């Protein structure tokens, strides 16, 4: 069954319900592994917009997740240095620990990992691992299958879009990203 590992983790009360080994994510993980970091940065930034909007609906005064994405974008463009963006990423993850709502905490972790993709492409997987966890928490154990499947399909479509278009946009990249043409491999 496509979600059997997720259902087991849900019953155990795990904080993260998906992993790199989740059966439902294998096609997406393989596609991610074939991308260069610029593509993953664009994909993660794009896909983080929806969890950010959802988070901001409930916590409109909490700006740390938004600042995280803004500063990571600036870092990717070479406008700021890593320590500034790193602090913003850590602040975003801190929000997840400060709030008591597990669903919205998972959204914060998803946003933080999306931003951290600038640092290393391996962080890109954190976006779906946490956002999908938030979806399960939102819809519950009996109703999460369809929205999670649709979200995985959305990630896949967006990654194919960015695979095709990232380098066509003529964006300015920080020097450490401008020469990145090798696919990201999982350890």
C-alpha atoms as a PDB file:
ATOM      1  CA  UNK A   1       0.000   0.000   0.000  1.00  0.00           C
ATOM      2  CA  UNK A   2       1.334   3.409  -1.011  1.00  0.00           C
ATOM      3  CA  UNK A   3       0.940   5.037   2.428  1.00  0.00           C
ATOM      4  CA  UNK A   4       1.485   2.072   4.750  1.00  0.00           C
ATOM      5  CA  UNK A   5       4.711   3.489   6.219  1.00  0.00           C
ATOM      6  CA  UNK A   6       2.981   6.819   6.842  1.00  0.00           C
ATOM      7  CA  UNK A   7       0.086   5.115   8.598  1.00  0.00           C
ATOM      8  CA  UNK A   8       2.522   3.184  10.821  1.00  0.00           C
ATOM      9  CA  UNK A   9       4.340   6.396  11.774  1.00  0.00           C
ATOM     10  CA  UNK A  10       1.013   8.105  12.417  1.00  0.00           C
ATOM     11  CA  UNK A  11      -0.042   5.310  14.807  1.00  0.00           C
ATOM     12  CA  UNK A  12       3.315   5.548  16.588  1.00  0.00           C
ATOM     13  CA  UNK A  13       2.877   9.289  17.003  1.00  0.00           C
ATOM     14  CA  UNK A  14       6.017  10.180  15.035  1.00  0.00           C
ATOM     15  CA  UNK A  15       6.655  13.878  14.518  1.00  0.00           C
ATOM     16  CA  UNK A  16       7.626  13.417  10.846  1.00  0.00           C
ATOM     17  CA  UNK A  17       5.385  11.025   8.925  1.00  0.00           C
ATOM     18  CA  UNK A  18       7.374  10.821   5.681  1.00  0.00           C
ATOM     19  CA  UNK A  19      10.989   9.954   4.915  1.00  0.00           C
ATOM     20  CA  UNK A  20      13.300   9.557   1.947  1.00  0.00           C
ATOM     21  CA  UNK A  21      12.219   5.910   1.982  1.00  0.00           C
ATOM     22  CA  UNK A  22       8.461   6.553   1.850  1.00  0.00           C
ATOM     23  CA  UNK A  23       7.040   4.537  -1.019  1.00  0.00           C
ATOM     24  CA  UNK A  24       4.801   7.395  -2.151  1.00  0.00           C
ATOM     25  CA  UNK A  25       7.824   9.707  -2.629  1.00  0.00           C
ATOM     26  CA  UNK A  26      10.161   7.467  -4.596  1.00  0.00           C
ATOM     27  CA  UNK A  27       9.434   8.916  -8.055  1.00  0.00           C
ATOM     28  CA  UNK A  28       9.787  12.455  -6.724  1.00  0.00           C
ATOM     29  CA  UNK A  29      13.024  11.648  -4.859  1.00  0.00           C
ATOM     30  CA  UNK A  30      14.535  10.117  -8.017  1.00  0.00           C
ATOM     31  CA  UNK A  31      13.555  13.189 -10.029  1.00  0.00           C
ATOM     32  CA  UNK A  32      15.042  15.464  -7.362  1.00  0.00           C
ATOM     33  CA  UNK A  33      18.300  13.516  -7.421  1.00  0.00           C
ATOM     34  CA  UNK A  34      18.724  14.311 -11.120  1.00  0.00           C
ATOM     35  CA  UNK A  35      18.489  18.094 -10.635  1.00  0.00           C
ATOM     36  CA  UNK A  36      21.198  20.658 -10.158  1.00  0.00           C
ATOM     37  CA  UNK A  37      20.988  22.848  -7.088  1.00  0.00           C
ATOM     38  CA  UNK A  38      19.714  25.917  -8.960  1.00  0.00           C
ATOM     39  CA  UNK A  39      16.699  23.952 -10.143  1.00  0.00           C
ATOM     40  CA  UNK A  40      16.064  22.628  -6.648  1.00  0.00           C
ATOM     41  CA  UNK A  41      16.377  26.148  -5.199  1.00  0.00           C
ATOM     42  CA  UNK A  42      13.794  27.492  -7.652  1.00  0.00           C
ATOM     43  CA  UNK A  43      11.475  24.530  -7.089  1.00  0.00           C
ATOM     44  CA  UNK A  44      11.701  24.707  -3.293  1.00  0.00           C
ATOM     45  CA  UNK A  45      11.194  28.459  -3.246  1.00  0.00           C
ATOM     46  CA  UNK A  46       8.192  28.169  -5.560  1.00  0.00           C
ATOM     47  CA  UNK A  47       6.597  25.292  -3.659  1.00  0.00           C
ATOM     48  CA  UNK A  48       7.199  26.953  -0.269  1.00  0.00           C
ATOM     49  CA  UNK A  49       4.823  29.750  -1.231  1.00  0.00           C
ATOM     50  CA  UNK A  50       1.713  27.690  -0.470  1.00  0.00           C
ATOM     51  CA  UNK A  51       2.741  26.500   3.007  1.00  0.00           C
ATOM     52  CA  UNK A  52       3.895  30.046   3.782  1.00  0.00           C
ATOM     53  CA  UNK A  53       0.508  31.475   2.749  1.00  0.00           C
ATOM     54  CA  UNK A  54      -1.281  28.869   4.873  1.00  0.00           C
ATOM     55  CA  UNK A  55       0.957  29.625   7.843  1.00  0.00           C
ATOM     56  CA  UNK A  56       0.458  33.380   7.486  1.00  0.00           C
ATOM     57  CA  UNK A  57      -3.345  32.972   7.437  1.00  0.00           C
ATOM     58  CA  UNK A  58      -3.196  31.654  10.986  1.00  0.00           C
ATOM     59  CA  UNK A  59      -0.141  33.593  12.199  1.00  0.00           C
ATOM     60  CA  UNK A  60      -0.200  36.889  10.273  1.00  0.00           C
ATOM     61  CA  UNK A  61       2.126  38.681  12.692  1.00  0.00           C
ATOM     62  CA  UNK A  62       4.800  35.967  12.666  1.00  0.00           C
ATOM     63  CA  UNK A  63       7.254  37.072   9.981  1.00  0.00           C
ATOM     64  CA  UNK A  64      10.183  34.708  10.536  1.00  0.00           C
ATOM     65  CA  UNK A  65       9.136  32.111   7.916  1.00  0.00           C
ATOM     66  CA  UNK A  66       8.618  34.830   5.304  1.00  0.00           C
ATOM     67  CA  UNK A  67      11.909  36.494   6.199  1.00  0.00           C
ATOM     68  CA  UNK A  68      13.607  33.100   5.853  1.00  0.00           C
ATOM     69  CA  UNK A  69      12.470  32.725   2.255  1.00  0.00           C
ATOM     70  CA  UNK A  70      13.277  36.352   1.422  1.00  0.00           C
ATOM     71  CA  UNK A  71      16.814  36.134   2.804  1.00  0.00           C
ATOM     72  CA  UNK A  72      17.488  32.737   1.227  1.00  0.00           C
ATOM     73  CA  UNK A  73      16.445  34.207  -2.121  1.00  0.00           C
ATOM     74  CA  UNK A  74      18.888  37.068  -1.541  1.00  0.00           C
ATOM     75  CA  UNK A  75      21.604  34.551  -0.631  1.00  0.00           C
ATOM     76  CA  UNK A  76      20.960  32.556  -3.807  1.00  0.00           C
ATOM     77  CA  UNK A  77      21.374  35.758  -5.816  1.00  0.00           C
ATOM     78  CA  UNK A  78      24.644  36.666  -4.080  1.00  0.00           C
ATOM     79  CA  UNK A  79      23.191  39.730  -2.360  1.00  0.00           C
ATOM     80  CA  UNK A  80      23.872  38.558   1.209  1.00  0.00           C
ATOM     81  CA  UNK A  81      26.269  36.109   2.834  1.00  0.00           C
ATOM     82  CA  UNK A  82      25.429  32.730   4.276  1.00  0.00           C
ATOM     83  CA  UNK A  83      25.437  33.624   8.015  1.00  0.00           C
ATOM     84  CA  UNK A  84      22.553  36.089   7.555  1.00  0.00           C
ATOM     85  CA  UNK A  85      20.420  33.537   5.711  1.00  0.00           C
ATOM     86  CA  UNK A  86      21.460  30.754   8.058  1.00  0.00           C
ATOM     87  CA  UNK A  87      20.214  32.775  11.042  1.00  0.00           C
ATOM     88  CA  UNK A  88      16.876  33.284   9.256  1.00  0.00           C
ATOM     89  CA  UNK A  89      16.590  29.539   8.553  1.00  0.00           C
ATOM     90  CA  UNK A  90      17.257  28.722  12.191  1.00  0.00           C
ATOM     91  CA  UNK A  91      14.725  31.372  13.260  1.00  0.00           C
ATOM     92  CA  UNK A  92      12.116  29.776  10.994  1.00  0.00           C
ATOM     93  CA  UNK A  93      12.739  26.368  12.568  1.00  0.00           C
ATOM     94  CA  UNK A  94      12.542  28.028  16.007  1.00  0.00           C
ATOM     95  CA  UNK A  95       8.988  29.132  15.243  1.00  0.00           C
ATOM     96  CA  UNK A  96       8.082  25.486  14.666  1.00  0.00           C
ATOM     97  CA  UNK A  97       9.323  24.651  18.144  1.00  0.00           C
ATOM     98  CA  UNK A  98       7.621  27.642  19.784  1.00  0.00           C
ATOM     99  CA  UNK A  99       4.088  27.048  18.540  1.00  0.00           C
ATOM    100  CA  UNK A 100       2.009  24.209  19.919  1.00  0.00           C
ATOM    101  CA  UNK A 101       0.107  23.433  16.714  1.00  0.00           C
ATOM    102  CA  UNK A 102       1.880  20.446  15.137  1.00  0.00           C
ATOM    103  CA  UNK A 103       0.429  21.079  11.682  1.00  0.00           C
ATOM    104  CA  UNK A 104       1.710  24.638  11.545  1.00  0.00           C
ATOM    105  CA  UNK A 105       4.993  23.641  13.140  1.00  0.00           C
ATOM    106  CA  UNK A 106       5.478  21.168  10.300  1.00  0.00           C
ATOM    107  CA  UNK A 107       4.745  23.964   7.809  1.00  0.00           C
ATOM    108  CA  UNK A 108       7.492  26.071   9.409  1.00  0.00           C
ATOM    109  CA  UNK A 109       9.959  23.206   9.099  1.00  0.00           C
ATOM    110  CA  UNK A 110       8.940  22.771   5.446  1.00  0.00           C
ATOM    111  CA  UNK A 111       9.595  26.465   4.792  1.00  0.00           C
ATOM    112  CA  UNK A 112      12.924  26.336   6.618  1.00  0.00           C
ATOM    113  CA  UNK A 113      14.079  23.369   4.550  1.00  0.00           C
ATOM    114  CA  UNK A 114      12.958  25.065   1.346  1.00  0.00           C
ATOM    115  CA  UNK A 115      15.125  28.063   2.218  1.00  0.00           C
ATOM    116  CA  UNK A 116      18.049  25.857   3.258  1.00  0.00           C
ATOM    117  CA  UNK A 117      18.083  24.282  -0.203  1.00  0.00           C
ATOM    118  CA  UNK A 118      20.396  27.152  -1.167  1.00  0.00           C
ATOM    119  CA  UNK A 119      22.942  25.639   1.235  1.00  0.00           C
ATOM    120  CA  UNK A 120      22.642  22.091  -0.045  1.00  0.00           C
ATOM    121  CA  UNK A 121      20.203  20.404  -2.383  1.00  0.00           C
ATOM    122  CA  UNK A 122      19.587  17.660   0.168  1.00  0.00           C
ATOM    123  CA  UNK A 123      17.439  20.112   2.146  1.00  0.00           C
ATOM    124  CA  UNK A 124      14.944  20.227  -0.735  1.00  0.00           C
ATOM    125  CA  UNK A 125      13.448  16.910   0.376  1.00  0.00           C
ATOM    126  CA  UNK A 126      12.595  18.462   3.736  1.00  0.00           C
ATOM    127  CA  UNK A 127       9.921  20.556   2.052  1.00  0.00           C
ATOM    128  CA  UNK A 128       7.722  17.596   1.058  1.00  0.00           C
ATOM    129  CA  UNK A 129       8.584  15.535   4.148  1.00  0.00           C
ATOM    130  CA  UNK A 130       7.252  18.247   6.446  1.00  0.00           C
ATOM    131  CA  UNK A 131       4.515  19.754   4.280  1.00  0.00           C
ATOM    132  CA  UNK A 132       3.023  16.326   3.624  1.00  0.00           C
ATOM    133  CA  UNK A 133       3.161  15.649   7.363  1.00  0.00           C
ATOM    134  CA  UNK A 134       1.182  18.868   7.861  1.00  0.00           C
ATOM    135  CA  UNK A 135      -1.394  17.667   5.325  1.00  0.00           C
ATOM    136  CA  UNK A 136      -1.859  14.384   7.173  1.00  0.00           C
ATOM    137  CA  UNK A 137      -2.315  16.295  10.422  1.00  0.00           C
ATOM    138  CA  UNK A 138      -4.808  18.618   8.731  1.00  0.00           C
ATOM    139  CA  UNK A 139      -6.958  15.937   7.078  1.00  0.00           C
ATOM    140  CA  UNK A 140      -6.586  13.127   9.608  1.00  0.00           C
ATOM    141  CA  UNK A 141      -5.781   9.449   9.348  1.00  0.00           C
ATOM    142  CA  UNK A 142      -8.846   8.566   7.282  1.00  0.00           C
ATOM    143  CA  UNK A 143      -8.871  11.451   4.802  1.00  0.00           C
ATOM    144  CA  UNK A 144      -5.262  12.358   3.966  1.00  0.00           C
ATOM    145  CA  UNK A 145      -4.670  10.003   1.026  1.00  0.00           C
ATOM    146  CA  UNK A 146      -6.174  12.117  -1.761  1.00  0.00           C
ATOM    147  CA  UNK A 147      -4.719  15.516  -0.718  1.00  0.00           C
ATOM    148  CA  UNK A 148      -1.264  13.990  -0.150  1.00  0.00           C
ATOM    149  CA  UNK A 149      -1.333  12.231  -3.519  1.00  0.00           C
ATOM    150  CA  UNK A 150      -2.400  15.478  -5.214  1.00  0.00           C
ATOM    151  CA  UNK A 151       0.377  17.422  -3.456  1.00  0.00           C
ATOM    152  CA  UNK A 152       3.010  14.899  -4.542  1.00  0.00           C
ATOM    153  CA  UNK A 153       1.749  15.233  -8.121  1.00  0.00           C
ATOM    154  CA  UNK A 154       1.972  19.036  -7.750  1.00  0.00           C
ATOM    155  CA  UNK A 155       5.596  18.782  -6.546  1.00  0.00           C
ATOM    156  CA  UNK A 156       6.420  16.578  -9.506  1.00  0.00           C
ATOM    157  CA  UNK A 157       4.814  18.959 -12.045  1.00  0.00           C
ATOM    158  CA  UNK A 158       6.550  21.991 -10.539  1.00  0.00           C
ATOM    159  CA  UNK A 159       9.913  20.230 -10.514  1.00  0.00           C
ATOM    160  CA  UNK A 160       9.542  19.338 -14.186  1.00  0.00           C
ATOM    161  CA  UNK A 161       8.671  22.978 -14.876  1.00  0.00           C
ATOM    162  CA  UNK A 162      11.770  24.258 -13.063  1.00  0.00           C
ATOM    163  CA  UNK A 163      13.944  21.573 -14.653  1.00  0.00           C
ATOM    164  CA  UNK A 164      12.936  23.020 -18.012  1.00  0.00           C
ATOM    165  CA  UNK A 165      12.937  26.727 -17.131  1.00  0.00           C
ATOM    166  CA  UNK A 166      15.432  27.595 -14.372  1.00  0.00           C
ATOM    167  CA  UNK A 167      18.345  28.333 -16.663  1.00  0.00           C
ATOM    168  CA  UNK A 168      16.163  30.041 -19.276  1.00  0.00           C
ATOM    169  CA  UNK A 169      15.261  32.884 -16.931  1.00  0.00           C
ATOM    170  CA  UNK A 170      18.689  34.524 -16.955  1.00  0.00           C
ATOM    171  CA  UNK A 171      18.649  35.013 -13.193  1.00  0.00           C
ATOM    172  CA  UNK A 172      21.633  36.272 -11.268  1.00  0.00           C
ATOM    173  CA  UNK A 173      23.155  33.543  -9.098  1.00  0.00           C
ATOM    174  CA  UNK A 174      25.644  33.652  -6.260  1.00  0.00           C
ATOM    175  CA  UNK A 175      29.023  32.380  -7.483  1.00  0.00           C
ATOM    176  CA  UNK A 176      28.691  29.099  -5.579  1.00  0.00           C
ATOM    177  CA  UNK A 177      25.440  28.387  -7.483  1.00  0.00           C
ATOM    178  CA  UNK A 178      26.433  29.754 -10.880  1.00  0.00           C
ATOM    179  CA  UNK A 179      28.777  26.825 -11.580  1.00  0.00           C
ATOM    180  CA  UNK A 180      26.562  24.101 -10.103  1.00  0.00           C
ATOM    181  CA  UNK A 181      25.689  21.796 -12.957  1.00  0.00           C
ATOM    182  CA  UNK A 182      25.987  18.405 -11.276  1.00  0.00           C
ATOM    183  CA  UNK A 183      22.929  16.497 -10.094  1.00  0.00           C
ATOM    184  CA  UNK A 184      22.406  16.280  -6.347  1.00  0.00           C
ATOM    185  CA  UNK A 185      22.854  12.765  -4.982  1.00  0.00           C
ATOM    186  CA  UNK A 186      21.454  11.606  -1.687  1.00  0.00           C
ATOM    187  CA  UNK A 187      23.892  10.233   0.857  1.00  0.00           C
END
